[in-house]
Amino acid sequence: MELGTMYGQMWRSSFGFNPNVNVAHVSLAEELLRQEGKYPKRVEVNVMQQYRDLRGYSYGLLNHNGPEWRHLRTAVSKRIMRPKEVPRYGDSMNEVVTDMITRFKDLRDSTGGGKTVPDLTNELYKWAMESIATVLFDTRLGCLEREMPEKTQQFIDSIATMFRTIFLVSALKPWMLTYFNPGVWKRHVAAWDVIFSVAHENIDRKVLEIDERLRLGEELDGSFLTYMLTGTDVTKKDLYATVTELLLAGVDTTSNTMVWTLYELARHPDLQDRLHREVTSVLVSPEQIPTVDDVKNMPLLKNIIKETLRVYPVLPANGRVLDKDIVLGGYHIPKGMQFSILHYNMTRDPEAFEEPERFNPDRWTRMGTEKVNTFSSVPFGFGPRQCAGRRLAEMEMYLVLARLVQTFEVKQLTPGEVVRPVTRALLVPGDPVHLEFIDRL
């Protein structure tokens, strides 16, 4: 944000050995994204490619470009990007939410002094991990059990290690990784080995299950993995990588967004009351579990999630590489140049939003007076290369928020406490978020 104030709407910088053009204005971001070609290209994450070359793994949906990317993207999108397909996962998502609420109450009453859920950020991370894994792997990992399975804990720890080390090794050229800071590189590789092993184990299990069902003449289920293994020509090698990427991308997006959403609702009790009235007008019984169709009748709920993603974009920036020379903002920029689209700067630009620092979900209402450029807040990206799991992530957040507000009144443990966001690869709370979860009568 400070660099935007210093340099303006666009400036050049370097990350390691890579030159980069930073775009911090809505009109420039729109101009850039509208010039993408048939195969939009992400900034290559060399260290991820280096690991996959080392182990002989596919580059997957995130790191593939060109026709290979399009082939994978088309196959995945048919099952998780189309709005009509998302409802098939609603029941499994709701089962996870039910377990999460039970766990919240147990933790609150046993270790939180009857008020708070200790380490709320971590608990929401476990919910997000369990939820997306249920969809992608068609199995439960046990993240919400009283005693988490050792293998699941190792998986979560490895993800943390991978994110902690990725920026330390990303600034180096691939050939330099084993010479400079080899200990960090070894830890990074070991973390990825564990992460990929989970995908291998669950996909291979599903293959055996499908083979057995076919042998017995039984009908196949409609799960995501069954579709990918029997309804597409995607190889298992590509599937290992792609499912792993979808899992990693889905967990932090939903868990961090929910932490910030609950934080803002606790700071704005009038808004929380409005949301509770909306939810209970649709869910007339305290025991009623929301369906995907119910959520369609909760516009404020959707706008609250949308506003949270504006104020706290999980990815503060997104990268692109264009395959042709372009003119942007009056400057000629050669093909192959890396671009960083700075979402955090754009969503706080007073030219793009009225009172950008204010949390105001009503700015997104159709009848509102504020006119918002589509490109001013694109937390899931834009165009063919936008987040493949967007529909799933949105539905997870809608369902869990409806249940939380239906079940609890959320308050700040220390009224008026302010938590600032910080960037640690992703935009996360700089301090623990302490909230009270009070049972609604």
Foldseek 3Di string as FASTA:
>chain_A
DVVCVVPPQWDWDDQQHAIAIEGQALVLVVVVVVPFDPKWFFDAQQLLVLLCVVVVFDCALNHDIDPVNVQRLVLLLVQFVDLVNQLVLFVVLLVLLVLLVVLQQVQCVPPVVVWWRPQLLVSLLLSQLQSLCCQLLVDGQQSSPPDGDPLSVLLVVLLVLLLQLSSVQSSDDSVCCCPPPVVSSVSNSVSVVSLLVVLVVSLVVVVVVVVVCVVVVHDDDDGSSVCSVPVGPDDSSNVSNHSSVLSSVRSLQQSQLVLQLLLVCQQPVVLLVVQLVQLCVLVVDLPDADGPVSLVSRVLLLLSSQLSCLQFQFQQKTKTFHQAWDQGPNDIDGGRHMYIHGLNSLQQDCVAPPNSNDRDSVLPDPPDPHDHDPSSGQSQDDDSSGNSNVSVSSSSNSRSVSNQSSFWDKHFPDHPDDWDWDDSSTTHTPDRGIITTHGDD
